Amino acid sequence: MSAHLLAEITVLVLAAFVGFEVISKVPTTLHTPLMSGTNAIHGIVIVGGMLVAGSSHDWIGIVLGTIAVTFGTINVVGGFLVTDRMLEMFKGRRPAPSDEQKAA
């Protein structure tokens, strides 16, 4: 195992531990807005997947690029749907129509 590969694996493991610790400390009231915002950032994954799939000359690169674009798109759409649903919760309820309005 080369030193370069060992350094990359070390960074990956440390990033996983730090990410888990950071996410586990987020209160539940902030989890939905933060996750919907970070899911929208997956547009970068979509662009990266398109670059990989478009510039690849073998089938594995095309498949992995297509999977990245698919999952990134699902995540972006899901993030926006969660955000929209969350924002609907903050809209005020309309008052019940009065008798005068019902008659009109």
N, C-alpha and C. Protein backbone atom coordinates (compact mmCIF):
# COMPACT_ATOMS: atom_id res chain seq x y z
N MET A 1 0.86 -1.17 0.00
CA MET A 1 0.00 0.00 0.00
C MET A 1 0.90 1.23 0.00
N SER A 2 0.62 2.12 -0.93
CA SER A 2 1.47 3.29 -1.04
C SER A 2 1.09 4.32 0.02
N ALA A 3 2.01 5.24 0.26
CA ALA A 3 1.78 6.28 1.27
C ALA A 3 0.65 7.21 0.84
N HIS A 4 0.52 7.42 -0.47
CA HIS A 4 -0.55 8.29 -0.98
C HIS A 4 -1.93 7.68 -0.70
N LEU A 5 -2.07 6.39 -0.95
CA LEU A 5 -3.33 5.70 -0.70
C LEU A 5 -3.65 5.68 0.79
N LEU A 6 -2.64 5.46 1.61
CA LEU A 6 -2.84 5.45 3.06
C LEU A 6 -3.28 6.83 3.56
N ALA A 7 -2.72 7.88 3.00
CA ALA A 7 -3.12 9.24 3.38
C ALA A 7 -4.57 9.50 2.97
N GLU A 8 -4.97 9.05 1.79
CA GLU A 8 -6.35 9.24 1.35
C GLU A 8 -7.33 8.47 2.21
N ILE A 9 -6.99 7.25 2.59
CA ILE A 9 -7.86 6.46 3.47
C ILE A 9 -7.96 7.12 4.84
N THR A 10 -6.86 7.65 5.33
CA THR A 10 -6.87 8.35 6.63
C THR A 10 -7.78 9.56 6.59
N VAL A 11 -7.71 10.34 5.52
CA VAL A 11 -8.58 11.51 5.38
C VAL A 11 -10.04 11.07 5.31
N LEU A 12 -10.32 10.01 4.58
CA LEU A 12 -11.69 9.51 4.47
C LEU A 12 -12.24 9.08 5.83
N VAL A 13 -11.46 8.35 6.59
CA VAL A 13 -11.92 7.88 7.92
C VAL A 13 -12.11 9.06 8.86
N LEU A 14 -11.17 9.99 8.87
CA LEU A 14 -11.31 11.17 9.74
C LEU A 14 -12.51 12.02 9.34
N ALA A 15 -12.75 12.17 8.04
CA ALA A 15 -13.92 12.92 7.58
C ALA A 15 -15.22 12.25 8.01
N ALA A 16 -15.24 10.92 7.97
CA ALA A 16 -16.44 10.20 8.41
C ALA A 16 -16.69 10.42 9.89
N PHE A 17 -15.65 10.34 10.72
CA PHE A 17 -15.81 10.56 12.16
C PHE A 17 -16.23 11.99 12.47
N VAL A 18 -15.59 12.96 11.85
CA VAL A 18 -15.93 14.36 12.09
C VAL A 18 -17.35 14.65 11.61
N GLY A 19 -17.72 14.15 10.44
CA GLY A 19 -19.07 14.34 9.92
C GLY A 19 -20.12 13.75 10.84
N PHE A 20 -19.86 12.56 11.36
CA PHE A 20 -20.81 11.93 12.28
C PHE A 20 -20.95 12.76 13.56
N GLU A 21 -19.85 13.24 14.10
CA GLU A 21 -19.91 14.04 15.33
C GLU A 21 -20.63 15.35 15.11
N VAL A 22 -20.39 16.00 13.98
CA VAL A 22 -21.05 17.28 13.71
C VAL A 22 -22.55 17.08 13.52
N ILE A 23 -22.94 16.08 12.76
CA ILE A 23 -24.35 15.85 12.48
C ILE A 23 -25.08 15.39 13.73
N SER A 24 -24.45 14.60 14.57
CA SER A 24 -25.14 14.11 15.76
C SER A 24 -25.37 15.21 16.79
N LYS A 25 -24.66 16.31 16.70
CA LYS A 25 -24.84 17.42 17.65
C LYS A 25 -25.89 18.43 17.20
N VAL A 26 -26.44 18.27 16.00
CA VAL A 26 -27.44 19.21 15.48
C VAL A 26 -28.78 18.91 16.15
N PRO A 27 -29.44 19.93 16.73
CA PRO A 27 -30.75 19.68 17.33
C PRO A 27 -31.79 19.33 16.27
N THR A 28 -32.80 18.60 16.68
CA THR A 28 -33.81 18.14 15.72
C THR A 28 -34.55 19.29 15.07
N THR A 29 -34.71 20.41 15.74
CA THR A 29 -35.42 21.53 15.13
C THR A 29 -34.65 22.13 13.96
N LEU A 30 -33.34 21.97 13.95
CA LEU A 30 -32.53 22.51 12.86
C LEU A 30 -32.20 21.47 11.79
N HIS A 31 -32.50 20.22 12.05
CA HIS A 31 -32.08 19.17 11.14
C HIS A 31 -32.71 19.32 9.75
N THR A 32 -34.02 19.56 9.70
CA THR A 32 -34.69 19.65 8.40
C THR A 32 -34.20 20.83 7.56
N PRO A 33 -34.12 22.06 8.13
CA PRO A 33 -33.63 23.15 7.28
C PRO A 33 -32.19 22.96 6.82
N LEU A 34 -31.35 22.43 7.69
CA LEU A 34 -29.95 22.24 7.30
C LEU A 34 -29.82 21.16 6.24
N MET A 35 -30.56 20.08 6.39
CA MET A 35 -30.46 18.99 5.42
C MET A 35 -31.04 19.40 4.08
N SER A 36 -32.12 20.17 4.08
CA SER A 36 -32.67 20.58 2.79
C SER A 36 -31.72 21.52 2.08
N GLY A 37 -31.03 22.35 2.84
CA GLY A 37 -30.04 23.24 2.22
C GLY A 37 -28.84 22.49 1.68
N THR A 38 -28.35 21.53 2.44
CA THR A 38 -27.19 20.77 1.97
C THR A 38 -27.55 19.83 0.83
N ASN A 39 -28.78 19.35 0.80
CA ASN A 39 -29.18 18.52 -0.33
C ASN A 39 -29.20 19.32 -1.62
N ALA A 40 -29.53 20.60 -1.52
CA ALA A 40 -29.54 21.44 -2.72
C ALA A 40 -28.13 21.62 -3.28
N ILE A 41 -27.13 21.49 -2.42
CA ILE A 41 -25.74 21.63 -2.87
C ILE A 41 -25.34 20.46 -3.77
N HIS A 42 -26.15 19.42 -3.81
CA HIS A 42 -25.82 18.26 -4.63
C HIS A 42 -25.85 18.58 -6.13
N GLY A 43 -26.17 19.82 -6.46
CA GLY A 43 -26.03 20.23 -7.85
C GLY A 43 -24.59 20.07 -8.32
N ILE A 44 -23.66 20.20 -7.40
CA ILE A 44 -22.25 19.99 -7.72
C ILE A 44 -22.01 18.53 -8.10
N VAL A 45 -22.69 17.62 -7.39
CA VAL A 45 -22.57 16.20 -7.71
C VAL A 45 -23.12 15.92 -9.11
N ILE A 46 -24.21 16.59 -9.44
CA ILE A 46 -24.80 16.40 -10.77
C ILE A 46 -23.82 16.85 -11.86
N VAL A 47 -23.22 18.01 -11.67
CA VAL A 47 -22.25 18.50 -12.65
C VAL A 47 -21.05 17.56 -12.74
N GLY A 48 -20.55 17.11 -11.59
CA GLY A 48 -19.42 16.18 -11.58
C GLY A 48 -19.76 14.87 -12.26
N GLY A 49 -20.97 14.36 -12.00
CA GLY A 49 -21.39 13.11 -12.65
C GLY A 49 -21.51 13.26 -14.15
N MET A 50 -22.00 14.42 -14.60
CA MET A 50 -22.08 14.65 -16.04
C MET A 50 -20.69 14.74 -16.66
N LEU A 51 -19.76 15.37 -15.95
CA LEU A 51 -18.40 15.45 -16.47
C LEU A 51 -17.76 14.07 -16.55
N VAL A 52 -17.96 13.25 -15.52
CA VAL A 52 -17.38 11.90 -15.53
C VAL A 52 -18.00 11.06 -16.64
N ALA A 53 -19.33 11.09 -16.74
CA ALA A 53 -20.00 10.27 -17.76
C ALA A 53 -19.66 10.76 -19.16
N GLY A 54 -19.55 12.08 -19.34
CA GLY A 54 -19.27 12.61 -20.67
C GLY A 54 -17.85 12.41 -21.14
N SER A 55 -16.90 12.42 -20.21
CA SER A 55 -15.50 12.30 -20.62
C SER A 55 -14.96 10.88 -20.50
N SER A 56 -15.77 9.96 -20.03
CA SER A 56 -15.31 8.59 -19.85
C SER A 56 -15.36 7.82 -21.17
N HIS A 57 -14.38 6.95 -21.35
CA HIS A 57 -14.31 6.14 -22.56
C HIS A 57 -14.60 4.68 -22.28
N ASP A 58 -14.82 4.33 -21.02
CA ASP A 58 -15.16 2.95 -20.70
C ASP A 58 -16.53 2.91 -20.03
N TRP A 59 -17.12 1.74 -19.98
CA TRP A 59 -18.50 1.60 -19.50
C TRP A 59 -18.62 1.86 -18.01
N ILE A 60 -17.61 1.57 -17.22
CA ILE A 60 -17.70 1.76 -15.77
C ILE A 60 -17.80 3.24 -15.42
N GLY A 61 -17.08 4.08 -16.12
CA GLY A 61 -17.16 5.52 -15.89
C GLY A 61 -18.52 6.08 -16.28
N ILE A 62 -19.06 5.58 -17.36
CA ILE A 62 -20.38 6.03 -17.79
C ILE A 62 -21.44 5.60 -16.78
N VAL A 63 -21.36 4.36 -16.30
CA VAL A 63 -22.33 3.86 -15.31
C VAL A 63 -22.21 4.65 -14.01
N LEU A 64 -20.99 4.85 -13.52
CA LEU A 64 -20.82 5.59 -12.26
C LEU A 64 -21.26 7.05 -12.41
N GLY A 65 -20.97 7.66 -13.54
CA GLY A 65 -21.41 9.02 -13.77
C GLY A 65 -22.93 9.13 -13.83
N THR A 66 -23.56 8.16 -14.46
CA THR A 66 -25.02 8.14 -14.55
C THR A 66 -25.64 7.93 -13.17
N ILE A 67 -25.06 7.06 -12.37
CA ILE A 67 -25.55 6.84 -11.00
C ILE A 67 -25.39 8.11 -10.17
N ALA A 68 -24.27 8.79 -10.32
CA ALA A 68 -24.05 10.05 -9.58
C ALA A 68 -25.07 11.11 -9.98
N VAL A 69 -25.35 11.22 -11.27
CA VAL A 69 -26.34 12.19 -11.73
C VAL A 69 -27.73 11.82 -11.21
N THR A 70 -28.07 10.55 -11.24
CA THR A 70 -29.38 10.10 -10.77
C THR A 70 -29.55 10.38 -9.28
N PHE A 71 -28.58 9.96 -8.47
CA PHE A 71 -28.70 10.18 -7.02
C PHE A 71 -28.63 11.65 -6.66
N GLY A 72 -27.80 12.40 -7.36
CA GLY A 72 -27.72 13.83 -7.10
C GLY A 72 -29.03 14.53 -7.42
N THR A 73 -29.66 14.13 -8.51
CA THR A 73 -30.95 14.72 -8.89
C THR A 73 -32.03 14.38 -7.87
N ILE A 74 -32.05 13.13 -7.42
CA ILE A 74 -33.02 12.74 -6.39
C ILE A 74 -32.81 13.56 -5.13
N ASN A 75 -31.58 13.76 -4.76
CA ASN A 75 -31.28 14.52 -3.55
C ASN A 75 -31.65 16.00 -3.69
N VAL A 76 -31.39 16.59 -4.83
CA VAL A 76 -31.74 17.99 -5.05
C VAL A 76 -33.26 18.17 -5.01
N VAL A 77 -33.99 17.34 -5.73
CA VAL A 77 -35.44 17.44 -5.75
C VAL A 77 -36.01 17.19 -4.36
N GLY A 78 -35.50 16.18 -3.67
CA GLY A 78 -35.96 15.91 -2.31
C GLY A 78 -35.68 17.06 -1.37
N GLY A 79 -34.52 17.68 -1.50
CA GLY A 79 -34.18 18.82 -0.66
C GLY A 79 -35.12 19.98 -0.86
N PHE A 80 -35.45 20.26 -2.12
CA PHE A 80 -36.38 21.35 -2.39
C PHE A 80 -37.80 21.01 -1.93
N LEU A 81 -38.22 19.76 -2.07
CA LEU A 81 -39.55 19.38 -1.60
C LEU A 81 -39.65 19.49 -0.08
N VAL A 82 -38.61 19.07 0.62
CA VAL A 82 -38.61 19.19 2.08
C VAL A 82 -38.64 20.66 2.48
N THR A 83 -37.87 21.48 1.80
CA THR A 83 -37.85 22.92 2.12
C THR A 83 -39.23 23.53 1.87
N ASP A 84 -39.86 23.19 0.76
CA ASP A 84 -41.18 23.73 0.46
C ASP A 84 -42.19 23.29 1.50
N ARG A 85 -42.14 22.04 1.88
CA ARG A 85 -43.07 21.54 2.91
C ARG A 85 -42.81 22.21 4.25
N MET A 86 -41.55 22.42 4.57
CA MET A 86 -41.21 23.08 5.83
C MET A 86 -41.71 24.52 5.84
N LEU A 87 -41.55 25.22 4.73
CA LEU A 87 -42.01 26.61 4.65
C LEU A 87 -43.53 26.70 4.70
N GLU A 88 -44.24 25.70 4.23
CA GLU A 88 -45.70 25.68 4.32
C GLU A 88 -46.15 25.66 5.78
N MET A 89 -45.36 25.07 6.65
CA MET A 89 -45.73 25.00 8.07
C MET A 89 -45.72 26.38 8.71
N PHE A 90 -44.95 27.30 8.18
CA PHE A 90 -44.84 28.62 8.78
C PHE A 90 -45.86 29.62 8.25
N LYS A 91 -46.61 29.24 7.24
CA LYS A 91 -47.64 30.14 6.72
C LYS A 91 -48.80 30.16 7.71
N GLY A 92 -49.36 31.34 7.89
CA GLY A 92 -50.48 31.47 8.81
C GLY A 92 -51.73 30.83 8.25
N ARG A 93 -52.57 30.35 9.15
CA ARG A 93 -53.83 29.77 8.72
C ARG A 93 -54.80 30.90 8.37
N ARG A 94 -55.60 30.66 7.39
CA ARG A 94 -56.59 31.66 6.99
C ARG A 94 -57.74 31.59 7.98
N PRO A 95 -58.25 32.73 8.37
CA PRO A 95 -59.38 32.70 9.31
C PRO A 95 -60.62 32.09 8.65
N ALA A 96 -61.45 31.49 9.47
CA ALA A 96 -62.67 30.88 8.96
C ALA A 96 -63.57 31.98 8.41
N PRO A 97 -64.23 31.72 7.29
CA PRO A 97 -65.10 32.75 6.71
C PRO A 97 -66.27 33.05 7.63
N SER A 98 -66.59 34.32 7.69
CA SER A 98 -67.71 34.73 8.55
C SER A 98 -69.03 34.43 7.85
N ASP A 99 -70.13 34.61 8.57
CA ASP A 99 -71.45 34.34 7.99
C ASP A 99 -71.74 35.25 6.80
N GLU A 100 -71.26 36.50 6.88
CA GLU A 100 -71.48 37.43 5.78
C GLU A 100 -70.75 36.98 4.52
N GLN A 101 -69.54 36.45 4.70
CA GLN A 101 -68.77 35.99 3.54
C GLN A 101 -69.36 34.71 2.97
N LYS A 102 -69.92 33.87 3.83
CA LYS A 102 -70.53 32.63 3.34
C LYS A 102 -71.77 32.94 2.50
N ALA A 103 -72.53 33.98 2.92
CA ALA A 103 -73.75 34.34 2.20
C ALA A 103 -73.44 34.96 0.84
N ALA A 104 -72.30 35.58 0.70
CA ALA A 104 -71.97 36.26 -0.56
C ALA A 104 -71.51 35.35 -1.63
